[in-house]
Every structure is written in structure tokens, then in C-alpha cells.
Amino acid sequence: MSELLWPNGPHPSVPTPADDPSDRPARPPLVASTSAHVRIVFAGVVLADSHDAVLVREPGRPPTCYVPPEDVLVEHLRRIEHQTRSEAFGRALYYTVVAGDREAAEAAWCYPDPPADFSLLARAIAFDADQMDEFTVDAQPAEA
């Protein structure tokens, strides 16, 4: 998956962690709510439209945007067997995005039960920007 960037770097409402020298312990991820307008389109369907997203920055990884399920057309998500485990966030469940005659495999995921420190992520859904037709933050294209 390629890096997801907002038009002028990371969204200003989320602090950017400094790169950690390899001799220091890893910093925990930064998780923050944002009122930025996030809009995600696939196959002509607006899958997500939210002003209540969560942005995650992890040292050495691209930023990721998570949208609350109430702002997602979840009927276009088909749960698949693939799962992973994040040291910070716990078990991740994956979905294939389906709209019309198009499918995007493993294009969405969520952490159903993250640790209390990251409870903002509970059930929020992230999308792979590379597989979406449109992914904007405050009407600006997110660069994948």
C-alpha cells in the first residue's frame, strides 16, 4: 500500500511524530479525531462521507484515515477471512469493497476491539486509497 498524504503533508489536526533513530524505543502511534471532510468513492458509489474521522500516524508508516461505520455504506463491504494483528491496535478484520460489477479485495479494514488507549478506532473503517476511485480530505485529493 502506498503512502496516503494530505495535500500539504499530514493533516494539521494530527501531530507528526519525529522520525525515531533506530537506537531509541519506538514511539506509540498518534490517534486523533478530526472534523476534516473525508469522502471516499468507488465505482460511482460514495462509500464514506464524514466530518468525524480518526487520523492515525505511526512512526515510519504513512498516515491512515478511519471513518466511523455510521458514515460508511457498510452494505458495500463484504467480510473476508483474512485477519492480521497489530501490536498497537490488536486484531484487524478485512473487507472486500463491492459496488456494481467491481470489487476491490482487502480494500477496507477495521479494529473491532482496540486497546483502551486507542478506543477512537473501535469499529472505524479504513480504506486503501490506491484501490478507491476518489479519496478526498477537505475536498483535496489524498495522494496515494
C-alpha atoms as a PDB file:
ATOM      1  CA  MET A   1       0.000   0.000   0.000  1.00  0.00           C
ATOM      2  CA  SER A   2       1.416   3.374  -0.892  1.00  0.00           C
ATOM      3  CA  GLU A   3       1.562   6.385   1.375  1.00  0.00           C
ATOM      4  CA  LEU A   4      -1.587   8.402   1.924  1.00  0.00           C
ATOM      5  CA  LEU A   5      -0.798  12.109   2.127  1.00  0.00           C
ATOM      6  CA  TRP A   6      -2.996  15.119   2.547  1.00  0.00           C
ATOM      7  CA  PRO A   7      -2.449  17.980   0.075  1.00  0.00           C
ATOM      8  CA  ASN A   8       0.204  19.787   2.113  1.00  0.00           C
ATOM      9  CA  GLY A   9       1.560  16.915   4.160  1.00  0.00           C
ATOM     10  CA  PRO A  10      -0.160  15.374   7.175  1.00  0.00           C
ATOM     11  CA  HIS A  11      -3.484  16.885   8.143  1.00  0.00           C
ATOM     12  CA  PRO A  12      -2.746  19.798  10.510  1.00  0.00           C
ATOM     13  CA  SER A  13      -5.025  18.461  13.241  1.00  0.00           C
ATOM     14  CA  VAL A  14      -2.750  15.457  13.774  1.00  0.00           C
ATOM     15  CA  PRO A  15       0.697  15.905  15.271  1.00  0.00           C
ATOM     16  CA  THR A  16       3.504  14.435  13.190  1.00  0.00           C
ATOM     17  CA  PRO A  17       5.859  12.160  15.117  1.00  0.00           C
ATOM     18  CA  ALA A  18       9.542  12.817  14.611  1.00  0.00           C
ATOM     19  CA  ASP A  19      11.456  10.042  12.932  1.00  0.00           C
ATOM     20  CA  ASP A  20      12.829   7.811  15.612  1.00  0.00           C
ATOM     21  CA  PRO A  21      16.513   6.932  15.432  1.00  0.00           C
ATOM     22  CA  SER A  22      16.845   3.160  15.460  1.00  0.00           C
ATOM     23  CA  ASP A  23      18.587   3.233  18.850  1.00  0.00           C
ATOM     24  CA  ARG A  24      15.509   4.680  20.610  1.00  0.00           C
ATOM     25  CA  PRO A  25      12.406   2.754  21.585  1.00  0.00           C
ATOM     26  CA  ALA A  26       9.557   3.096  19.079  1.00  0.00           C
ATOM     27  CA  ARG A  27       7.029   5.820  19.817  1.00  0.00           C
ATOM     28  CA  PRO A  28       3.380   4.871  20.170  1.00  0.00           C
ATOM     29  CA  PRO A  29       1.027   5.730  17.324  1.00  0.00           C
ATOM     30  CA  LEU A  30      -0.733   9.105  17.411  1.00  0.00           C
ATOM     31  CA  VAL A  31      -4.509   8.799  17.092  1.00  0.00           C
ATOM     32  CA  ALA A  32      -6.671  11.935  16.831  1.00  0.00           C
ATOM     33  CA  SER A  33     -10.206  12.865  15.850  1.00  0.00           C
ATOM     34  CA  THR A  34     -10.643  15.374  13.065  1.00  0.00           C
ATOM     35  CA  SER A  35     -13.538  17.375  11.670  1.00  0.00           C
ATOM     36  CA  ALA A  36     -11.957  17.350   8.201  1.00  0.00           C
ATOM     37  CA  HIS A  37     -14.401  16.306   5.480  1.00  0.00           C
ATOM     38  CA  VAL A  38     -13.430  12.823   4.285  1.00  0.00           C
ATOM     39  CA  ARG A  39     -15.113  11.487   1.137  1.00  0.00           C
ATOM     40  CA  ILE A  40     -14.403   8.107  -0.446  1.00  0.00           C
ATOM     41  CA  VAL A  41     -15.878   6.954  -3.787  1.00  0.00           C
ATOM     42  CA  PHE A  42     -15.674   3.565  -5.504  1.00  0.00           C
ATOM     43  CA  ALA A  43     -17.427   2.587  -8.745  1.00  0.00           C
ATOM     44  CA  GLY A  44     -19.581   5.709  -8.609  1.00  0.00           C
ATOM     45  CA  VAL A  45     -20.770   4.969  -5.057  1.00  0.00           C
ATOM     46  CA  VAL A  46     -19.939   7.365  -2.211  1.00  0.00           C
ATOM     47  CA  LEU A  47     -18.781   4.740   0.279  1.00  0.00           C
ATOM     48  CA  ALA A  48     -17.875   7.179   3.045  1.00  0.00           C
ATOM     49  CA  ASP A  49     -18.703  10.799   3.779  1.00  0.00           C
ATOM     50  CA  SER A  50     -17.675  12.048   7.198  1.00  0.00           C
ATOM     51  CA  HIS A  51     -16.705  15.030   9.326  1.00  0.00           C
ATOM     52  CA  ASP A  52     -15.917  12.702  12.218  1.00  0.00           C
ATOM     53  CA  ALA A  53     -12.892  10.710  11.051  1.00  0.00           C
ATOM     54  CA  VAL A  54      -9.909   9.486  13.020  1.00  0.00           C
ATOM     55  CA  LEU A  55      -6.386  10.026  11.713  1.00  0.00           C
ATOM     56  CA  VAL A  56      -3.542   7.736  12.713  1.00  0.00           C
ATOM     57  CA  ARG A  57       0.170   8.495  12.412  1.00  0.00           C
ATOM     58  CA  GLU A  58       2.695   5.788  13.189  1.00  0.00           C
ATOM     59  CA  PRO A  59       6.442   6.401  13.030  1.00  0.00           C
ATOM     60  CA  GLY A  60       7.798   5.050   9.768  1.00  0.00           C
ATOM     61  CA  ARG A  61       4.344   4.422   8.264  1.00  0.00           C
ATOM     62  CA  PRO A  62       2.016   6.500   6.101  1.00  0.00           C
ATOM     63  CA  PRO A  63      -0.921   8.271   7.796  1.00  0.00           C
ATOM     64  CA  THR A  64      -4.235   6.421   7.746  1.00  0.00           C
ATOM     65  CA  CYS A  65      -7.774   7.786   7.912  1.00  0.00           C
ATOM     66  CA  TYR A  66     -10.525   5.789   9.680  1.00  0.00           C
ATOM     67  CA  VAL A  67     -14.219   6.594   9.183  1.00  0.00           C
ATOM     68  CA  PRO A  68     -16.933   5.726  11.728  1.00  0.00           C
ATOM     69  CA  PRO A  69     -19.235   2.942  10.468  1.00  0.00           C
ATOM     70  CA  GLU A  70     -22.302   5.190  10.655  1.00  0.00           C
ATOM     71  CA  ASP A  71     -20.677   7.336   7.921  1.00  0.00           C
ATOM     72  CA  VAL A  72     -19.920   4.335   5.669  1.00  0.00           C
ATOM     73  CA  LEU A  73     -22.244   2.437   3.328  1.00  0.00           C
ATOM     74  CA  VAL A  74     -21.332  -0.847   5.002  1.00  0.00           C
ATOM     75  CA  GLU A  75     -23.593  -2.825   2.661  1.00  0.00           C
ATOM     76  CA  HIS A  76     -20.754  -2.445   0.108  1.00  0.00           C
ATOM     77  CA  LEU A  77     -18.276  -4.198   2.410  1.00  0.00           C
ATOM     78  CA  ARG A  78     -18.001  -7.981   2.296  1.00  0.00           C
ATOM     79  CA  ARG A  79     -16.155  -9.520   5.256  1.00  0.00           C
ATOM     80  CA  ILE A  80     -13.361 -11.888   4.245  1.00  0.00           C
ATOM     81  CA  GLU A  81     -11.377 -14.417   6.268  1.00  0.00           C
ATOM     82  CA  HIS A  82      -8.084 -12.501   6.157  1.00  0.00           C
ATOM     83  CA  GLN A  83      -7.049 -11.074   9.544  1.00  0.00           C
ATOM     84  CA  THR A  84      -3.889  -9.532  10.901  1.00  0.00           C
ATOM     85  CA  ARG A  85      -2.732  -8.404  14.320  1.00  0.00           C
ATOM     86  CA  SER A  86      -1.204  -5.033  15.118  1.00  0.00           C
ATOM     87  CA  GLU A  87       0.971  -4.745  18.204  1.00  0.00           C
ATOM     88  CA  ALA A  88      -0.652  -1.387  18.988  1.00  0.00           C
ATOM     89  CA  PHE A  89      -4.256  -1.851  17.823  1.00  0.00           C
ATOM     90  CA  GLY A  90      -4.968  -5.573  18.108  1.00  0.00           C
ATOM     91  CA  ARG A  91      -6.860  -7.742  15.623  1.00  0.00           C
ATOM     92  CA  ALA A  92      -7.710  -6.265  12.206  1.00  0.00           C
ATOM     93  CA  LEU A  93     -10.624  -7.555  10.145  1.00  0.00           C
ATOM     94  CA  TYR A  94     -10.579  -7.099   6.365  1.00  0.00           C
ATOM     95  CA  TYR A  95     -13.244  -6.468   3.759  1.00  0.00           C
ATOM     96  CA  THR A  96     -13.615  -6.611   0.007  1.00  0.00           C
ATOM     97  CA  VAL A  97     -15.349  -3.480  -1.306  1.00  0.00           C
ATOM     98  CA  VAL A  98     -18.150  -4.342  -3.753  1.00  0.00           C
ATOM     99  CA  ALA A  99     -20.084  -1.848  -5.904  1.00  0.00           C
ATOM    100  CA  GLY A 100     -21.849  -2.687  -9.150  1.00  0.00           C
ATOM    101  CA  ASP A 101     -19.689  -5.144 -11.073  1.00  0.00           C
ATOM    102  CA  ARG A 102     -16.453  -4.021  -9.391  1.00  0.00           C
ATOM    103  CA  GLU A 103     -14.617  -5.451  -6.408  1.00  0.00           C
ATOM    104  CA  ALA A 104     -11.532  -4.303  -4.511  1.00  0.00           C
ATOM    105  CA  ALA A 105     -10.054  -7.131  -2.444  1.00  0.00           C
ATOM    106  CA  GLU A 106      -8.817  -6.368   1.064  1.00  0.00           C
ATOM    107  CA  ALA A 107      -9.507  -2.678   0.394  1.00  0.00           C
ATOM    108  CA  ALA A 108     -11.011  -1.904   3.803  1.00  0.00           C
ATOM    109  CA  TRP A 109     -10.217  -2.923   7.363  1.00  0.00           C
ATOM    110  CA  CYS A 110     -11.077  -2.155  10.959  1.00  0.00           C
ATOM    111  CA  TYR A 111     -10.001  -2.889  14.510  1.00  0.00           C
ATOM    112  CA  PRO A 112     -13.152  -4.078  16.292  1.00  0.00           C
ATOM    113  CA  ASP A 113     -11.658  -4.156  19.791  1.00  0.00           C
ATOM    114  CA  PRO A 114      -8.559  -1.943  20.095  1.00  0.00           C
ATOM    115  CA  PRO A 115      -6.948  -1.339  23.491  1.00  0.00           C
ATOM    116  CA  ALA A 116      -8.496   1.433  25.609  1.00  0.00           C
ATOM    117  CA  ASP A 117      -5.717   3.884  24.626  1.00  0.00           C
ATOM    118  CA  PHE A 118      -6.927   3.642  21.017  1.00  0.00           C
ATOM    119  CA  SER A 119     -10.675   3.368  21.596  1.00  0.00           C
ATOM    120  CA  LEU A 120     -11.309   6.058  18.928  1.00  0.00           C
ATOM    121  CA  LEU A 121     -10.541   3.344  16.369  1.00  0.00           C
ATOM    122  CA  ALA A 122     -13.179   0.898  17.625  1.00  0.00           C
ATOM    123  CA  ARG A 123     -15.187  -0.230  14.583  1.00  0.00           C
ATOM    124  CA  ALA A 124     -13.950   2.717  12.449  1.00  0.00           C
ATOM    125  CA  ILE A 125     -13.147   1.649   8.891  1.00  0.00           C
ATOM    126  CA  ALA A 126     -10.034   2.462   6.862  1.00  0.00           C
ATOM    127  CA  PHE A 127      -9.863   2.237   3.061  1.00  0.00           C
ATOM    128  CA  ASP A 128      -6.909   1.590   0.775  1.00  0.00           C
ATOM    129  CA  ALA A 129      -6.692   4.854  -1.179  1.00  0.00           C
ATOM    130  CA  ASP A 130      -4.920   3.110  -4.071  1.00  0.00           C
ATOM    131  CA  GLN A 131      -7.995   0.969  -4.703  1.00  0.00           C
ATOM    132  CA  MET A 132     -10.581   3.760  -4.418  1.00  0.00           C
ATOM    133  CA  ASP A 133     -11.624   5.972  -7.342  1.00  0.00           C
ATOM    134  CA  GLU A 134     -11.718   9.087  -5.177  1.00  0.00           C
ATOM    135  CA  PHE A 135     -10.382   9.764  -1.694  1.00  0.00           C
ATOM    136  CA  THR A 136     -10.523  13.384  -0.579  1.00  0.00           C
ATOM    137  CA  VAL A 137      -9.858  15.244   2.649  1.00  0.00           C
ATOM    138  CA  ASP A 138     -11.420  18.700   2.799  1.00  0.00           C
ATOM    139  CA  ALA A 139     -12.157  18.450  -0.950  1.00  0.00           C
ATOM    140  CA  GLN A 140      -8.471  17.942  -1.781  1.00  0.00           C
ATOM    141  CA  PRO A 141      -7.351  14.614  -3.253  1.00  0.00           C
ATOM    142  CA  ALA A 142      -5.387  12.440  -0.899  1.00  0.00           C
ATOM    143  CA  GLU A 143      -2.199  11.493  -2.711  1.00  0.00           C
ATOM    144  CA  ALA A 144      -1.661   7.772  -2.779  1.00  0.00           C
END
